[in-house]
């Protein structure tokens, strides 16, 4: 999983929060709780994650030439993705924001939704 983030600097938990999520006005305890879940489910250190990272980076299959390993990795990734969806769904219902979040594409979107934030209004496109 780490190879998906290239040679990105591994930040400490606090650095990750203060550099990437504090400027968004998100509470430290909730942010780290959310990132801990991602770290646990996908075995990716919190310090590698950035707000602009696409969630699809976490959900992409691990390439392997062994069909049994491929099946194992696929099942594990699907379980992890399902657990993230389940935990986020519970929180969205708790905050009353379930119907507001139509599309969660990035780590920032996921963390903001986890913290009870509403989606940012999309910018109109000019014709």
N, C-alpha and C. Protein backbone atom coordinates (compact mmCIF):
# COMPACT_ATOMS: atom_id res chain seq x y z
N UNK A 1 0.83 -1.20 0.00
CA UNK A 1 0.00 0.00 0.00
C UNK A 1 0.87 1.26 0.00
N UNK A 2 1.94 1.22 0.76
CA UNK A 2 2.79 2.41 0.85
C UNK A 2 3.33 2.83 -0.52
N UNK A 3 3.59 1.89 -1.39
CA UNK A 3 4.14 2.22 -2.70
C UNK A 3 3.18 3.07 -3.53
N UNK A 4 1.91 3.05 -3.20
CA UNK A 4 0.93 3.87 -3.93
C UNK A 4 1.11 5.36 -3.68
N UNK A 5 1.89 5.70 -2.65
CA UNK A 5 2.09 7.10 -2.30
C UNK A 5 3.49 7.59 -2.68
N UNK A 6 4.21 6.79 -3.46
CA UNK A 6 5.52 7.19 -3.95
C UNK A 6 6.49 7.47 -2.83
N UNK A 7 7.31 8.50 -3.03
CA UNK A 7 8.31 8.83 -2.02
C UNK A 7 7.84 9.98 -1.12
N UNK A 8 6.54 10.07 -0.94
CA UNK A 8 5.94 11.10 -0.10
C UNK A 8 6.49 11.01 1.32
N UNK A 9 6.74 12.18 1.90
CA UNK A 9 7.25 12.24 3.28
C UNK A 9 6.19 11.71 4.24
N UNK A 10 6.61 10.83 5.13
CA UNK A 10 5.74 10.30 6.16
C UNK A 10 5.71 11.29 7.32
N UNK A 11 4.55 11.89 7.53
CA UNK A 11 4.38 12.86 8.61
C UNK A 11 3.97 12.14 9.90
N UNK A 12 4.26 12.76 11.02
CA UNK A 12 3.75 12.25 12.29
C UNK A 12 2.24 12.50 12.30
N UNK A 13 1.55 11.87 13.22
CA UNK A 13 0.09 12.07 13.34
C UNK A 13 -0.22 13.55 13.53
N UNK A 14 0.51 14.21 14.44
CA UNK A 14 0.25 15.61 14.71
C UNK A 14 0.57 16.49 13.50
N UNK A 15 1.70 16.22 12.84
CA UNK A 15 2.03 16.99 11.63
C UNK A 15 0.95 16.83 10.58
N UNK A 16 0.49 15.61 10.40
CA UNK A 16 -0.56 15.34 9.42
C UNK A 16 -1.79 16.18 9.72
N UNK A 17 -2.20 16.19 10.98
CA UNK A 17 -3.37 16.99 11.34
C UNK A 17 -3.11 18.48 11.15
N UNK A 18 -2.04 19.00 11.76
CA UNK A 18 -1.80 20.44 11.76
C UNK A 18 -1.54 21.01 10.36
N UNK A 19 -0.86 20.25 9.52
CA UNK A 19 -0.57 20.74 8.17
C UNK A 19 -1.75 20.58 7.21
N UNK A 20 -2.51 19.50 7.37
CA UNK A 20 -3.51 19.16 6.35
C UNK A 20 -4.97 19.37 6.75
N UNK A 21 -5.28 19.22 8.02
CA UNK A 21 -6.69 19.23 8.40
C UNK A 21 -7.07 20.37 9.35
N UNK A 22 -6.14 20.85 10.14
CA UNK A 22 -6.45 22.00 10.99
C UNK A 22 -6.85 23.22 10.13
N UNK A 23 -6.14 23.48 9.01
CA UNK A 23 -6.54 24.63 8.18
C UNK A 23 -7.98 24.51 7.64
N UNK A 24 -8.52 23.30 7.63
CA UNK A 24 -9.90 23.10 7.17
C UNK A 24 -10.91 23.35 8.30
N UNK A 25 -10.39 23.63 9.51
CA UNK A 25 -11.25 23.90 10.65
C UNK A 25 -11.88 22.67 11.26
N UNK A 26 -11.25 21.51 11.05
CA UNK A 26 -11.82 20.26 11.54
C UNK A 26 -11.20 19.90 12.89
N UNK A 27 -12.01 19.34 13.81
CA UNK A 27 -11.51 19.02 15.15
C UNK A 27 -10.52 17.86 15.14
N UNK A 28 -9.42 18.05 15.85
CA UNK A 28 -8.32 17.08 15.83
C UNK A 28 -8.77 15.68 16.24
N UNK A 29 -9.51 15.56 17.32
CA UNK A 29 -9.91 14.24 17.82
C UNK A 29 -10.70 13.46 16.78
N UNK A 30 -11.65 14.12 16.13
CA UNK A 30 -12.47 13.43 15.12
C UNK A 30 -11.67 13.10 13.87
N UNK A 31 -10.80 14.01 13.47
CA UNK A 31 -9.96 13.76 12.29
C UNK A 31 -9.07 12.54 12.52
N UNK A 32 -8.40 12.50 13.65
CA UNK A 32 -7.50 11.39 13.93
C UNK A 32 -8.27 10.08 14.11
N UNK A 33 -9.46 10.15 14.66
CA UNK A 33 -10.30 8.96 14.77
C UNK A 33 -10.63 8.41 13.38
N UNK A 34 -10.96 9.28 12.47
CA UNK A 34 -11.26 8.90 11.10
C UNK A 34 -10.03 8.32 10.40
N UNK A 35 -8.92 9.01 10.52
CA UNK A 35 -7.69 8.54 9.88
C UNK A 35 -7.20 7.23 10.49
N UNK A 36 -7.43 7.05 11.80
CA UNK A 36 -7.09 5.78 12.45
C UNK A 36 -7.87 4.62 11.82
N UNK A 37 -9.14 4.86 11.52
CA UNK A 37 -9.95 3.82 10.89
C UNK A 37 -9.39 3.46 9.51
N UNK A 38 -9.04 4.47 8.74
CA UNK A 38 -8.46 4.23 7.41
C UNK A 38 -7.14 3.48 7.55
N UNK A 39 -6.31 3.91 8.50
CA UNK A 39 -5.02 3.25 8.72
C UNK A 39 -5.22 1.78 9.09
N UNK A 40 -6.15 1.51 9.98
CA UNK A 40 -6.41 0.14 10.42
C UNK A 40 -6.93 -0.72 9.27
N UNK A 41 -7.90 -0.21 8.55
CA UNK A 41 -8.54 -1.00 7.49
C UNK A 41 -7.63 -1.24 6.28
N UNK A 42 -6.82 -0.26 5.93
CA UNK A 42 -6.02 -0.37 4.71
C UNK A 42 -4.52 -0.49 4.97
N UNK A 43 -4.14 -0.49 6.24
CA UNK A 43 -2.74 -0.63 6.61
C UNK A 43 -1.86 0.41 5.91
N UNK A 44 -2.35 1.63 5.90
CA UNK A 44 -1.58 2.74 5.35
C UNK A 44 -1.36 3.75 6.48
N UNK A 45 -0.12 4.15 6.74
CA UNK A 45 0.13 5.10 7.83
C UNK A 45 -0.60 6.43 7.59
N UNK A 46 -1.20 6.94 8.67
CA UNK A 46 -1.90 8.21 8.62
C UNK A 46 -1.04 9.30 7.99
N UNK A 47 0.24 9.30 8.32
CA UNK A 47 1.14 10.35 7.86
C UNK A 47 1.39 10.39 6.37
N UNK A 48 0.92 9.38 5.64
CA UNK A 48 1.04 9.41 4.17
C UNK A 48 -0.18 10.03 3.50
N UNK A 49 -1.27 10.14 4.23
CA UNK A 49 -2.52 10.62 3.64
C UNK A 49 -2.54 12.14 3.54
N UNK A 50 -3.10 12.62 2.44
CA UNK A 50 -3.27 14.05 2.23
C UNK A 50 -4.73 14.30 1.84
N UNK A 51 -5.25 15.48 2.16
CA UNK A 51 -6.67 15.76 1.87
C UNK A 51 -7.06 15.57 0.41
N UNK A 52 -6.16 15.85 -0.50
CA UNK A 52 -6.50 15.77 -1.93
C UNK A 52 -6.39 14.36 -2.51
N UNK A 53 -5.91 13.40 -1.72
CA UNK A 53 -5.80 12.02 -2.20
C UNK A 53 -7.19 11.48 -2.52
N UNK A 54 -7.29 10.82 -3.66
CA UNK A 54 -8.53 10.16 -4.04
C UNK A 54 -8.69 8.88 -3.23
N UNK A 55 -9.90 8.61 -2.79
CA UNK A 55 -10.16 7.36 -2.06
C UNK A 55 -9.88 6.15 -2.95
N UNK A 56 -10.00 6.33 -4.24
CA UNK A 56 -9.77 5.23 -5.17
C UNK A 56 -8.35 4.66 -5.03
N UNK A 57 -7.40 5.46 -4.52
CA UNK A 57 -6.05 4.96 -4.29
C UNK A 57 -6.09 3.82 -3.27
N UNK A 58 -6.97 3.94 -2.30
CA UNK A 58 -7.09 2.90 -1.28
C UNK A 58 -7.82 1.67 -1.81
N UNK A 59 -8.73 1.88 -2.74
CA UNK A 59 -9.60 0.81 -3.20
C UNK A 59 -9.07 0.05 -4.41
N UNK A 60 -7.95 0.50 -4.97
CA UNK A 60 -7.39 -0.15 -6.15
C UNK A 60 -6.75 -1.48 -5.77
N UNK A 61 -6.96 -2.47 -6.61
CA UNK A 61 -6.41 -3.81 -6.36
C UNK A 61 -4.89 -3.81 -6.29
N UNK A 62 -4.39 -4.67 -5.44
CA UNK A 62 -2.94 -4.90 -5.35
C UNK A 62 -2.56 -5.83 -6.50
N UNK A 63 -1.64 -5.41 -7.35
CA UNK A 63 -1.26 -6.29 -8.46
C UNK A 63 -0.44 -7.48 -7.97
N UNK A 64 -0.77 -8.65 -8.46
CA UNK A 64 -0.02 -9.85 -8.11
C UNK A 64 -0.18 -10.87 -9.23
N UNK A 65 0.78 -11.75 -9.33
CA UNK A 65 0.72 -12.80 -10.36
C UNK A 65 0.14 -14.09 -9.80
N UNK A 66 -0.08 -14.11 -8.51
CA UNK A 66 -0.61 -15.30 -7.85
C UNK A 66 -2.12 -15.17 -7.72
N UNK A 67 -2.90 -16.02 -8.38
CA UNK A 67 -4.37 -15.91 -8.33
C UNK A 67 -4.95 -16.04 -6.92
N UNK A 68 -4.34 -16.87 -6.08
CA UNK A 68 -4.85 -16.99 -4.71
C UNK A 68 -4.61 -15.72 -3.90
N UNK A 69 -3.43 -15.13 -4.07
CA UNK A 69 -3.15 -13.87 -3.39
C UNK A 69 -4.07 -12.78 -3.92
N UNK A 70 -4.30 -12.77 -5.23
CA UNK A 70 -5.18 -11.77 -5.82
C UNK A 70 -6.57 -11.86 -5.21
N UNK A 71 -7.08 -13.07 -5.07
CA UNK A 71 -8.39 -13.29 -4.46
C UNK A 71 -8.39 -12.82 -3.01
N UNK A 72 -7.34 -13.16 -2.27
CA UNK A 72 -7.23 -12.74 -0.88
C UNK A 72 -7.21 -11.21 -0.77
N UNK A 73 -6.37 -10.55 -1.57
CA UNK A 73 -6.28 -9.09 -1.53
C UNK A 73 -7.61 -8.44 -1.90
N UNK A 74 -8.25 -8.97 -2.91
CA UNK A 74 -9.53 -8.41 -3.36
C UNK A 74 -10.58 -8.52 -2.25
N UNK A 75 -10.64 -9.68 -1.60
CA UNK A 75 -11.61 -9.87 -0.51
C UNK A 75 -11.30 -8.92 0.65
N UNK A 76 -10.03 -8.79 0.98
CA UNK A 76 -9.65 -7.91 2.08
C UNK A 76 -9.97 -6.46 1.77
N UNK A 77 -9.67 -6.01 0.55
CA UNK A 77 -9.96 -4.63 0.15
C UNK A 77 -11.45 -4.36 0.15
N UNK A 78 -12.23 -5.32 -0.32
CA UNK A 78 -13.68 -5.16 -0.32
C UNK A 78 -14.22 -5.10 1.10
N UNK A 79 -13.69 -5.93 1.99
CA UNK A 79 -14.10 -5.89 3.40
C UNK A 79 -13.76 -4.53 4.02
N UNK A 80 -12.57 -4.04 3.72
CA UNK A 80 -12.15 -2.75 4.28
C UNK A 80 -13.00 -1.62 3.73
N UNK A 81 -13.27 -1.64 2.45
CA UNK A 81 -14.10 -0.60 1.86
C UNK A 81 -15.52 -0.66 2.44
N UNK A 82 -16.03 -1.85 2.61
CA UNK A 82 -17.36 -2.03 3.19
C UNK A 82 -17.40 -1.49 4.62
N UNK A 83 -16.36 -1.76 5.40
CA UNK A 83 -16.31 -1.27 6.77
C UNK A 83 -16.26 0.25 6.82
N UNK A 84 -15.47 0.86 5.93
CA UNK A 84 -15.43 2.33 5.87
C UNK A 84 -16.81 2.88 5.55
N UNK A 85 -17.46 2.30 4.55
CA UNK A 85 -18.79 2.75 4.16
C UNK A 85 -19.79 2.61 5.31
N UNK A 86 -19.72 1.49 6.00
CA UNK A 86 -20.63 1.23 7.12
C UNK A 86 -20.43 2.25 8.24
N UNK A 87 -19.18 2.45 8.64
CA UNK A 87 -18.88 3.38 9.73
C UNK A 87 -19.25 4.81 9.36
N UNK A 88 -18.96 5.21 8.11
CA UNK A 88 -19.30 6.55 7.67
C UNK A 88 -20.82 6.72 7.61
N UNK A 89 -21.51 5.73 7.11
CA UNK A 89 -22.97 5.79 7.03
C UNK A 89 -23.59 6.01 8.41
N UNK A 90 -23.08 5.30 9.42
CA UNK A 90 -23.58 5.48 10.78
C UNK A 90 -23.39 6.92 11.24
N UNK A 91 -22.24 7.48 10.97
CA UNK A 91 -21.96 8.86 11.40
C UNK A 91 -22.81 9.86 10.65
N UNK A 92 -22.98 9.66 9.34
CA UNK A 92 -23.79 10.58 8.56
C UNK A 92 -25.23 10.59 9.07
N UNK A 93 -25.74 9.43 9.40
CA UNK A 93 -27.10 9.36 9.96
C UNK A 93 -27.16 10.04 11.32
N UNK A 94 -26.12 9.86 12.11
CA UNK A 94 -26.05 10.50 13.43
C UNK A 94 -26.09 12.02 13.31
N UNK A 95 -25.36 12.56 12.32
CA UNK A 95 -25.30 14.00 12.13
C UNK A 95 -26.46 14.53 11.29
N UNK A 96 -27.25 13.65 10.70
CA UNK A 96 -28.36 14.08 9.84
C UNK A 96 -27.89 14.60 8.49
N UNK A 97 -26.73 14.14 8.05
CA UNK A 97 -26.17 14.63 6.78
C UNK A 97 -26.10 13.54 5.71
N UNK A 98 -26.73 12.40 5.98
CA UNK A 98 -26.64 11.26 5.07
C UNK A 98 -27.08 11.62 3.65
N UNK A 99 -28.20 12.31 3.52
CA UNK A 99 -28.74 12.64 2.19
C UNK A 99 -28.00 13.79 1.51
N UNK A 100 -27.16 14.49 2.24
CA UNK A 100 -26.44 15.64 1.67
C UNK A 100 -25.19 15.22 0.89
N UNK A 101 -24.56 14.13 1.32
CA UNK A 101 -23.30 13.69 0.71
C UNK A 101 -23.60 12.73 -0.43
N UNK A 102 -23.62 13.25 -1.65
CA UNK A 102 -23.85 12.41 -2.82
C UNK A 102 -22.57 11.78 -3.34
N UNK A 103 -21.46 12.48 -3.18
CA UNK A 103 -20.21 12.01 -3.76
C UNK A 103 -19.05 12.30 -2.81
N UNK A 104 -18.38 11.25 -2.37
CA UNK A 104 -17.22 11.39 -1.51
C UNK A 104 -16.04 10.79 -2.26
N UNK A 105 -15.19 11.66 -2.80
CA UNK A 105 -14.10 11.22 -3.67
C UNK A 105 -12.72 11.26 -3.04
N UNK A 106 -12.52 12.19 -2.11
CA UNK A 106 -11.18 12.41 -1.58
C UNK A 106 -11.12 12.12 -0.08
N UNK A 107 -9.91 12.06 0.43
CA UNK A 107 -9.71 11.92 1.87
C UNK A 107 -10.36 13.10 2.58
N UNK A 108 -10.21 14.30 2.03
CA UNK A 108 -10.84 15.47 2.64
C UNK A 108 -12.35 15.31 2.72
N UNK A 109 -12.98 14.90 1.63
CA UNK A 109 -14.43 14.68 1.65
C UNK A 109 -14.81 13.69 2.75
N UNK A 110 -14.08 12.58 2.81
CA UNK A 110 -14.39 11.54 3.78
C UNK A 110 -14.25 12.08 5.21
N UNK A 111 -13.16 12.77 5.49
CA UNK A 111 -12.92 13.30 6.83
C UNK A 111 -13.95 14.37 7.18
N UNK A 112 -14.26 15.24 6.24
CA UNK A 112 -15.27 16.28 6.50
C UNK A 112 -16.63 15.66 6.80
N UNK A 113 -17.01 14.65 6.02
CA UNK A 113 -18.28 13.96 6.26
C UNK A 113 -18.25 13.28 7.62
N UNK A 114 -17.13 12.65 7.95
CA UNK A 114 -16.96 11.96 9.23
C UNK A 114 -17.14 12.93 10.40
N UNK A 115 -16.69 14.16 10.22
CA UNK A 115 -16.74 15.17 11.27
C UNK A 115 -18.08 15.89 11.34
N UNK A 116 -19.02 15.52 10.49
CA UNK A 116 -20.35 16.13 10.53
C UNK A 116 -20.52 17.35 9.67
N UNK A 117 -19.52 17.64 8.85
CA UNK A 117 -19.60 18.79 7.95
C UNK A 117 -20.58 18.51 6.81
N UNK A 118 -21.05 19.57 6.20
CA UNK A 118 -21.89 19.42 5.01
C UNK A 118 -20.99 19.60 3.79
N UNK A 119 -21.41 19.02 2.65
CA UNK A 119 -20.60 19.19 1.44
C UNK A 119 -20.51 20.66 1.05
N UNK A 120 -19.40 21.01 0.47
CA UNK A 120 -19.26 22.38 -0.04
C UNK A 120 -20.07 22.49 -1.31
N UNK A 121 -20.74 23.64 -1.50
CA UNK A 121 -21.51 23.81 -2.75
C UNK A 121 -20.56 23.77 -3.95
N UNK A 122 -21.02 23.09 -4.99
CA UNK A 122 -20.19 23.03 -6.18
C UNK A 122 -20.24 24.37 -6.91
N UNK A 123 -19.13 24.66 -7.54
CA UNK A 123 -19.03 25.93 -8.26
C UNK A 123 -19.71 25.78 -9.61
N UNK A 124 -20.54 26.76 -9.99
CA UNK A 124 -21.18 26.68 -11.31
C UNK A 124 -20.13 26.78 -12.41
N UNK A 125 -20.35 26.04 -13.46
CA UNK A 125 -19.43 26.11 -14.60
C UNK A 125 -19.93 27.17 -15.56
N UNK A 126 -18.98 27.89 -16.16
CA UNK A 126 -19.38 28.92 -17.11
C UNK A 126 -19.50 28.33 -18.50
N UNK A 127 -20.46 28.80 -19.23
CA UNK A 127 -20.72 28.26 -20.58
C UNK A 127 -19.99 29.01 -21.63
